[in-house]
PDB file of N, CA and C in Angstrom:
ATOM      1  N   MET A   1      -3.358  70.710 -30.551  1.00  0.00           N
ATOM      2  CA  MET A   1      -3.879  69.403 -29.410  1.00  0.00           C
ATOM      3  C   MET A   1      -5.271  68.770 -29.389  1.00  0.00           C
ATOM      4  N   HIS A   2      -6.369  69.840 -30.128  1.00  0.00           N
ATOM      5  CA  HIS A   2      -7.499  69.254 -29.756  1.00  0.00           C
ATOM      6  C   HIS A   2      -7.656  68.649 -31.172  1.00  0.00           C
ATOM      7  N   LEU A   3      -6.833  68.325 -32.220  1.00  0.00           N
ATOM      8  CA  LEU A   3      -6.815  67.529 -33.114  1.00  0.00           C
ATOM      9  C   LEU A   3      -6.571  66.253 -32.558  1.00  0.00           C
ATOM     10  N   VAL A   4      -5.360  65.821 -31.924  1.00  0.00           N
ATOM     11  CA  VAL A   4      -5.313  64.950 -31.402  1.00  0.00           C
ATOM     12  C   VAL A   4      -6.180  64.316 -30.313  1.00  0.00           C
ATOM     13  N   THR A   5      -7.197  65.019 -29.658  1.00  0.00           N
ATOM     14  CA  THR A   5      -8.119  64.467 -28.657  1.00  0.00           C
ATOM     15  C   THR A   5      -8.989  63.975 -29.591  1.00  0.00           C
ATOM     16  N   LYS A   6      -9.677  64.321 -30.598  1.00  0.00           N
ATOM     17  CA  LYS A   6     -10.280  63.930 -31.758  1.00  0.00           C
ATOM     18  C   LYS A   6      -9.898  62.579 -32.563  1.00  0.00           C
ATOM     19  N   ILE A   7      -8.946  62.489 -32.533  1.00  0.00           N
ATOM     20  CA  ILE A   7      -8.378  61.378 -33.214  1.00  0.00           C
ATOM     21  C   ILE A   7      -8.263  60.329 -32.408  1.00  0.00           C
ATOM     22  N   LEU A   8      -7.670  60.251 -31.178  1.00  0.00           N
ATOM     23  CA  LEU A   8      -6.926  58.924 -30.189  1.00  0.00           C
ATOM     24  C   LEU A   8      -8.195  58.191 -30.460  1.00  0.00           C
ATOM     25  N   PRO A   9      -9.146  58.331 -30.106  1.00  0.00           N
ATOM     26  CA  PRO A   9      -9.779  57.301 -29.932  1.00  0.00           C
ATOM     27  C   PRO A   9     -10.299  56.057 -30.810  1.00  0.00           C
ATOM     28  N   TYR A  10     -10.270  56.706 -31.853  1.00  0.00           N
ATOM     29  CA  TYR A  10     -10.462  56.423 -33.489  1.00  0.00           C
ATOM     30  C   TYR A  10      -9.445  55.314 -33.505  1.00  0.00           C
ATOM     31  N   ALA A  11      -7.782  56.168 -33.195  1.00  0.00           N
ATOM     32  CA  ALA A  11      -6.833  55.239 -33.496  1.00  0.00           C
ATOM     33  C   ALA A  11      -7.088  54.121 -32.419  1.00  0.00           C
ATOM     34  N   GLN A  12      -7.152  54.445 -31.253  1.00  0.00           N
ATOM     35  CA  GLN A  12      -7.085  53.128 -30.413  1.00  0.00           C
ATOM     36  C   GLN A  12      -7.950  52.026 -30.750  1.00  0.00           C
ATOM     37  N   ILE A  13      -9.408  52.423 -31.514  1.00  0.00           N
ATOM     38  CA  ILE A  13     -10.295  51.711 -31.256  1.00  0.00           C
ATOM     39  C   ILE A  13      -9.545  50.570 -32.569  1.00  0.00           C
ATOM     40  N   ILE A  14      -8.613  51.417 -33.842  1.00  0.00           N
ATOM     41  CA  ILE A  14      -8.297  50.390 -35.187  1.00  0.00           C
ATOM     42  C   ILE A  14      -7.417  49.732 -34.453  1.00  0.00           C
ATOM     43  N   LEU A  15      -6.290  50.192 -33.688  1.00  0.00           N
ATOM     44  CA  LEU A  15      -5.509  49.412 -33.257  1.00  0.00           C
ATOM     45  C   LEU A  15      -5.930  48.548 -32.426  1.00  0.00           C
ATOM     46  N   SER A  16      -6.561  48.490 -31.561  1.00  0.00           N
ATOM     47  CA  SER A  16      -7.241  47.122 -30.673  1.00  0.00           C
ATOM     48  C   SER A  16      -8.045  45.724 -31.798  1.00  0.00           C
ATOM     49  N   VAL A  17      -8.537  46.763 -32.435  1.00  0.00           N
ATOM     50  CA  VAL A  17      -9.037  45.513 -33.939  1.00  0.00           C
ATOM     51  C   VAL A  17      -7.894  44.853 -34.440  1.00  0.00           C
ATOM     52  N   VAL A  18      -6.726  45.288 -34.906  1.00  0.00           N
ATOM     53  CA  VAL A  18      -5.716  45.092 -35.645  1.00  0.00           C
ATOM     54  C   VAL A  18      -4.972  44.125 -34.919  1.00  0.00           C
ATOM     55  N   LEU A  19      -4.954  44.060 -32.913  1.00  0.00           N
ATOM     56  CA  LEU A  19      -4.236  43.728 -32.272  1.00  0.00           C
ATOM     57  C   LEU A  19      -4.802  42.566 -31.879  1.00  0.00           C
ATOM     58  N   VAL A  20      -6.263  42.347 -31.723  1.00  0.00           N
ATOM     59  CA  VAL A  20      -6.881  41.510 -31.347  1.00  0.00           C
ATOM     60  C   VAL A  20      -6.943  40.199 -32.935  1.00  0.00           C
ATOM     61  N   LEU A  21      -6.919  40.717 -33.879  1.00  0.00           N
ATOM     62  CA  LEU A  21      -6.678  39.867 -35.275  1.00  0.00           C
ATOM     63  C   LEU A  21      -5.765  38.906 -35.654  1.00  0.00           C
ATOM     64  N   ALA A  22      -4.486  39.913 -35.041  1.00  0.00           N
ATOM     65  CA  ALA A  22      -3.488  39.615 -35.225  1.00  0.00           C
ATOM     66  C   ALA A  22      -3.067  38.613 -34.241  1.00  0.00           C
ATOM     67  N   ILE A  23      -3.559  38.335 -32.980  1.00  0.00           N
ATOM     68  CA  ILE A  23      -3.579  37.657 -32.068  1.00  0.00           C
ATOM     69  C   ILE A  23      -4.182  36.204 -32.406  1.00  0.00           C
ATOM     70  N   LEU A  24      -5.327  36.542 -32.869  1.00  0.00           N
ATOM     71  CA  LEU A  24      -6.189  35.354 -33.055  1.00  0.00           C
ATOM     72  C   LEU A  24      -5.858  34.744 -34.315  1.00  0.00           C
ATOM     73  N   LEU A  25      -5.593  35.152 -35.401  1.00  0.00           N
ATOM     74  CA  LEU A  25      -4.777  34.395 -36.621  1.00  0.00           C
ATOM     75  C   LEU A  25      -3.767  34.002 -36.337  1.00  0.00           C
ATOM     76  N   GLN A  26      -3.268  34.275 -34.872  1.00  0.00           N
ATOM     77  CA  GLN A  26      -1.601  32.971 -35.033  1.00  0.00           C
ATOM     78  C   GLN A  26      -1.780  31.892 -35.029  1.00  0.00           C
ATOM     79  N   GLN A  27      -1.196  31.061 -35.549  1.00  0.00           N
ATOM     80  CA  GLN A  27      -0.880  29.104 -34.822  1.00  0.00           C
ATOM     81  C   GLN A  27      -0.971  28.840 -33.306  1.00  0.00           C
ATOM     82  N   SER A  28      -1.769  28.319 -32.873  1.00  0.00           N
ATOM     83  CA  SER A  28      -1.501  27.747 -31.502  1.00  0.00           C
ATOM     84  C   SER A  28      -0.940  26.354 -31.564  1.00  0.00           C
ATOM     85  N   SER A  29       0.169  26.253 -31.049  1.00  0.00           N
ATOM     86  CA  SER A  29       0.608  24.663 -31.268  1.00  0.00           C
ATOM     87  C   SER A  29       0.766  23.878 -30.056  1.00  0.00           C
ATOM     88  N   ALA A  30       0.268  24.801 -28.830  1.00  0.00           N
ATOM     89  CA  ALA A  30      -0.351  24.280 -27.664  1.00  0.00           C
ATOM     90  C   ALA A  30      -1.566  23.396 -27.419  1.00  0.00           C
ATOM     91  N   GLY A  31      -1.542  21.907 -26.415  1.00  0.00           N
ATOM     92  CA  GLY A  31      -2.592  21.071 -26.237  1.00  0.00           C
ATOM     93  C   GLY A  31      -3.150  21.347 -25.018  1.00  0.00           C
ATOM     94  N   MET A  32      -3.287  20.363 -24.834  1.00  0.00           N
ATOM     95  CA  MET A  32      -3.971  20.574 -23.275  1.00  0.00           C
ATOM     96  C   MET A  32      -2.457  20.292 -22.332  1.00  0.00           C
ATOM     97  N   GLY A  33      -1.799  19.207 -23.116  1.00  0.00           N
ATOM     98  CA  GLY A  33      -0.298  19.226 -22.427  1.00  0.00           C
ATOM     99  C   GLY A  33      -0.150  20.190 -21.869  1.00  0.00           C
ATOM    100  N   GLY A  34       0.419  21.046 -22.870  1.00  0.00           N
ATOM    101  CA  GLY A  34       0.927  22.928 -22.856  1.00  0.00           C
ATOM    102  C   GLY A  34       0.222  23.695 -21.728  1.00  0.00           C
ATOM    103  N   ALA A  35      -0.856  23.677 -22.186  1.00  0.00           N
ATOM    104  CA  ALA A  35      -1.891  24.400 -21.178  1.00  0.00           C
ATOM    105  C   ALA A  35      -1.746  23.697 -19.732  1.00  0.00           C
ATOM    106  N   LEU A  36      -1.398  22.652 -19.180  1.00  0.00           N
ATOM    107  CA  LEU A  36      -1.403  21.958 -18.085  1.00  0.00           C
ATOM    108  C   LEU A  36       0.315  22.101 -17.210  1.00  0.00           C
ATOM    109  N   GLY A  37       1.034  22.701 -18.405  1.00  0.00           N
ATOM    110  CA  GLY A  37       2.678  22.446 -17.544  1.00  0.00           C
ATOM    111  C   GLY A  37       3.650  21.795 -18.424  1.00  0.00           C
ATOM    112  N   GLY A  38       2.633  20.691 -19.074  1.00  0.00           N
ATOM    113  CA  GLY A  38       3.517  19.702 -19.983  1.00  0.00           C
ATOM    114  C   GLY A  38       3.828  20.220 -20.847  1.00  0.00           C
ATOM    115  N   SER A  39       4.178  19.281 -22.158  1.00  0.00           N
ATOM    116  CA  SER A  39       4.527  19.457 -23.666  1.00  0.00           C
ATOM    117  C   SER A  39       4.054  18.257 -24.198  1.00  0.00           C
ATOM    118  N   ASP A  40       2.776  18.694 -25.569  1.00  0.00           N
ATOM    119  CA  ASP A  40       2.796  17.378 -26.227  1.00  0.00           C
ATOM    120  C   ASP A  40       3.867  16.903 -27.122  1.00  0.00           C
ATOM    121  N   THR A  41       4.727  17.987 -27.344  1.00  0.00           N
ATOM    122  CA  THR A  41       5.440  17.672 -28.485  1.00  0.00           C
ATOM    123  C   THR A  41       6.961  17.800 -28.273  1.00  0.00           C
ATOM    124  N   GLY A  42       7.604  17.797 -26.747  1.00  0.00           N
ATOM    125  CA  GLY A  42       8.443  16.990 -26.621  1.00  0.00           C
ATOM    126  C   GLY A  42       9.257  18.214 -26.695  1.00  0.00           C
ATOM    127  N   SER A  43      10.750  18.215 -27.445  1.00  0.00           N
ATOM    128  CA  SER A  43      11.477  19.618 -27.222  1.00  0.00           C
ATOM    129  C   SER A  43      11.754  19.798 -28.923  1.00  0.00           C
ATOM    130  N   PHE A  44      10.307  20.194 -29.608  1.00  0.00           N
ATOM    131  CA  PHE A  44      10.085  20.647 -30.906  1.00  0.00           C
ATOM    132  C   PHE A  44      10.316  22.554 -30.991  1.00  0.00           C
ATOM    133  N   HIS A  45      11.134  22.373 -32.023  1.00  0.00           N
ATOM    134  CA  HIS A  45      11.428  24.150 -31.784  1.00  0.00           C
ATOM    135  C   HIS A  45      10.909  24.393 -33.432  1.00  0.00           C
ATOM    136  N   HIS A  46       9.862  25.271 -33.198  1.00  0.00           N
ATOM    137  CA  HIS A  46       9.029  26.121 -33.931  1.00  0.00           C
ATOM    138  C   HIS A  46       9.595  27.584 -34.301  1.00  0.00           C
ATOM    139  N   THR A  47      10.086  27.607 -36.184  1.00  0.00           N
ATOM    140  CA  THR A  47      10.419  28.784 -36.428  1.00  0.00           C
ATOM    141  C   THR A  47       9.528  29.485 -37.110  1.00  0.00           C
ATOM    142  N   ARG A  48       9.297  30.633 -36.888  1.00  0.00           N
ATOM    143  CA  ARG A  48       8.309  31.469 -37.482  1.00  0.00           C
ATOM    144  C   ARG A  48       8.739  31.841 -39.088  1.00  0.00           C
ATOM    145  N   ARG A  49       7.783  31.519 -39.911  1.00  0.00           N
ATOM    146  CA  ARG A  49       8.065  31.576 -41.380  1.00  0.00           C
ATOM    147  C   ARG A  49       6.972  32.780 -42.086  1.00  0.00           C
ATOM    148  N   GLY A  50       7.048  33.179 -42.553  1.00  0.00           N
ATOM    149  CA  GLY A  50       6.352  34.140 -43.822  1.00  0.00           C
ATOM    150  C   GLY A  50       5.164  34.732 -43.144  1.00  0.00           C
ATOM    151  N   PHE A  51       3.690  34.591 -43.148  1.00  0.00           N
ATOM    152  CA  PHE A  51       2.661  35.087 -42.955  1.00  0.00           C
ATOM    153  C   PHE A  51       2.741  34.929 -41.570  1.00  0.00           C
ATOM    154  N   GLU A  52       2.942  33.802 -40.322  1.00  0.00           N
ATOM    155  CA  GLU A  52       3.097  33.775 -39.134  1.00  0.00           C
ATOM    156  C   GLU A  52       4.182  34.564 -38.777  1.00  0.00           C
ATOM    157  N   LYS A  53       5.285  34.842 -39.023  1.00  0.00           N
ATOM    158  CA  LYS A  53       6.155  35.996 -38.729  1.00  0.00           C
ATOM    159  C   LYS A  53       5.474  37.648 -38.977  1.00  0.00           C
ATOM    160  N   PHE A  54       5.194  37.556 -39.742  1.00  0.00           N
ATOM    161  CA  PHE A  54       4.622  39.080 -40.067  1.00  0.00           C
ATOM    162  C   PHE A  54       3.638  39.159 -39.418  1.00  0.00           C
ATOM    163  N   LEU A  55       2.334  38.373 -38.428  1.00  0.00           N
ATOM    164  CA  LEU A  55       1.788  38.565 -37.616  1.00  0.00           C
ATOM    165  C   LEU A  55       2.368  38.489 -36.437  1.00  0.00           C
ATOM    166  N   PHE A  56       3.700  37.901 -36.029  1.00  0.00           N
ATOM    167  CA  PHE A  56       4.203  37.954 -34.644  1.00  0.00           C
ATOM    168  C   PHE A  56       4.466  39.468 -34.774  1.00  0.00           C
ATOM    169  N   TYR A  57       5.520  39.581 -35.700  1.00  0.00           N
ATOM    170  CA  TYR A  57       5.616  41.429 -35.491  1.00  0.00           C
ATOM    171  C   TYR A  57       4.623  42.128 -35.606  1.00  0.00           C
ATOM    172  N   LEU A  58       3.211  41.916 -36.057  1.00  0.00           N
ATOM    173  CA  LEU A  58       2.332  43.253 -36.008  1.00  0.00           C
ATOM    174  C   LEU A  58       1.580  43.313 -34.854  1.00  0.00           C
ATOM    175  N   SER A  59       1.679  42.075 -34.217  1.00  0.00           N
ATOM    176  CA  SER A  59       1.051  41.858 -32.861  1.00  0.00           C
ATOM    177  C   SER A  59       1.923  42.674 -31.749  1.00  0.00           C
ATOM    178  N   ILE A  60       3.395  42.639 -31.816  1.00  0.00           N
ATOM    179  CA  ILE A  60       3.975  43.330 -31.203  1.00  0.00           C
ATOM    180  C   ILE A  60       3.891  44.769 -31.487  1.00  0.00           C
ATOM    181  N   VAL A  61       4.042  45.354 -32.707  1.00  0.00           N
ATOM    182  CA  VAL A  61       3.955  46.589 -33.122  1.00  0.00           C
ATOM    183  C   VAL A  61       2.428  47.567 -32.528  1.00  0.00           C
ATOM    184  N   CYS A  62       2.049  46.877 -32.994  1.00  0.00           N
ATOM    185  CA  CYS A  62       0.168  46.813 -32.310  1.00  0.00           C
ATOM    186  C   CYS A  62       0.301  47.342 -31.141  1.00  0.00           C
ATOM    187  N   GLY A  63       0.537  45.994 -30.144  1.00  0.00           N
ATOM    188  CA  GLY A  63       0.992  46.398 -28.714  1.00  0.00           C
ATOM    189  C   GLY A  63       1.091  47.277 -28.393  1.00  0.00           C
ATOM    190  N   ILE A  64       2.735  47.682 -28.585  1.00  0.00           N
ATOM    191  CA  ILE A  64       3.339  48.885 -28.004  1.00  0.00           C
ATOM    192  C   ILE A  64       3.118  50.199 -28.478  1.00  0.00           C
ATOM    193  N   LEU A  65       1.982  50.352 -30.005  1.00  0.00           N
ATOM    194  CA  LEU A  65       1.406  51.730 -30.303  1.00  0.00           C
ATOM    195  C   LEU A  65      -0.237  51.581 -29.143  1.00  0.00           C
ATOM    196  N   PHE A  66      -0.542  50.507 -28.964  1.00  0.00           N
ATOM    197  CA  PHE A  66      -1.648  51.000 -28.147  1.00  0.00           C
ATOM    198  C   PHE A  66      -1.407  51.124 -26.412  1.00  0.00           C
ATOM    199  N   ALA A  67      -0.376  50.594 -26.719  1.00  0.00           N
ATOM    200  CA  ALA A  67      -0.034  51.311 -25.206  1.00  0.00           C
ATOM    201  C   ALA A  67       0.477  52.714 -24.991  1.00  0.00           C
ATOM    202  N   LEU A  68       0.997  53.211 -25.698  1.00  0.00           N
ATOM    203  CA  LEU A  68       1.382  54.581 -25.986  1.00  0.00           C
ATOM    204  C   LEU A  68       0.455  55.054 -26.320  1.00  0.00           C
ATOM    205  N   SER A  69      -0.440  54.767 -26.874  1.00  0.00           N
ATOM    206  CA  SER A  69      -1.945  56.045 -27.066  1.00  0.00           C
ATOM    207  C   SER A  69      -2.407  55.872 -25.922  1.00  0.00           C
ATOM    208  N   ALA A  70      -2.438  54.558 -25.234  1.00  0.00           N
ATOM    209  CA  ALA A  70      -3.423  54.858 -23.802  1.00  0.00           C
ATOM    210  C   ALA A  70      -2.815  55.816 -22.880  1.00  0.00           C
ATOM    211  N   PHE A  71      -1.295  55.898 -22.859  1.00  0.00           N
ATOM    212  CA  PHE A  71      -0.482  56.878 -21.844  1.00  0.00           C
ATOM    213  C   PHE A  71      -0.707  58.237 -22.467  1.00  0.00           C
ATOM    214  N   LEU A  72      -0.766  58.342 -23.898  1.00  0.00           N
ATOM    215  CA  LEU A  72      -0.977  59.557 -24.293  1.00  0.00           C
ATOM    216  C   LEU A  72      -2.382  60.471 -23.993  1.00  0.00           C
ATOM    217  N   ALA A  73      -3.471  59.238 -24.069  1.00  0.00           N
ATOM    218  CA  ALA A  73      -4.668  59.326 -24.019  1.00  0.00           C
ATOM    219  C   ALA A  73      -4.873  59.880 -22.141  1.00  0.00           C
ATOM    220  N   ILE A  74      -3.801  58.886 -21.359  1.00  0.00           N
ATOM    221  CA  ILE A  74      -4.165  59.439 -19.846  1.00  0.00           C
ATOM    222  C   ILE A  74      -3.529  60.798 -19.554  1.00  0.00           C
ATOM    223  N   ILE A  75      -2.135  61.309 -20.331  1.00  0.00           N
ATOM    224  CA  ILE A  75      -1.403  62.561 -20.132  1.00  0.00           C
ATOM    225  C   ILE A  75      -2.893  63.604 -20.688  1.00  0.00           C
ATOM    226  N   ILE A  76      -3.046  62.974 -21.617  1.00  0.00           N
ATOM    227  CA  ILE A  76      -4.323  64.614 -21.958  1.00  0.00           C
ATOM    228  C   ILE A  76      -5.487  64.903 -21.096  1.00  0.00           C
ATOM    229  N   LYS A  77      -5.585  63.901 -20.892  1.00  0.00           N
ATOM    230  CA  LYS A  77      -6.875  64.116 -19.465  1.00  0.00           C
ATOM    231  C   LYS A  77      -6.946  64.323 -18.365  1.00  0.00           C
ATOM    232  N   ALA A  78      -5.401  64.107 -17.665  1.00  0.00           N
ATOM    233  CA  ALA A  78      -4.853  64.883 -16.931  1.00  0.00           C
ATOM    234  C   ALA A  78      -4.680  66.482 -16.968  1.00  0.00           C
ATOM    235  N   ARG A  79      -4.147  66.610 -18.359  1.00  0.00           N
ATOM    236  CA  ARG A  79      -4.075  68.024 -18.238  1.00  0.00           C
ATOM    237  C   ARG A  79      -5.344  69.017 -18.251  1.00  0.00           C
ATOM    238  N   GLY A  80      -6.668  68.420 -19.459  1.00  0.00           N
ATOM    239  CA  GLY A  80      -7.681  68.701 -19.568  1.00  0.00           C
ATOM    240  C   GLY A  80      -8.347  68.773 -18.501  1.00  0.00           C
TER     241      GLY A  80
END
């Protein structure tokens, strides 16, 4: 358990950096109309392909792992 307490902060830092990069690298197709509740493109449906799909799944996985590591940190802190 002592090893986990040493590694966990570094794992959280790495996960958070990867998560932020994965989110920032995703293409944003929402303009000002989308930000205000309207739609600039009408009923345009966008399918993720290739690297964009990889970034989408990477952000989901990193978000889940980061949440789990945060819960683990809380549990370790409560016991210690």
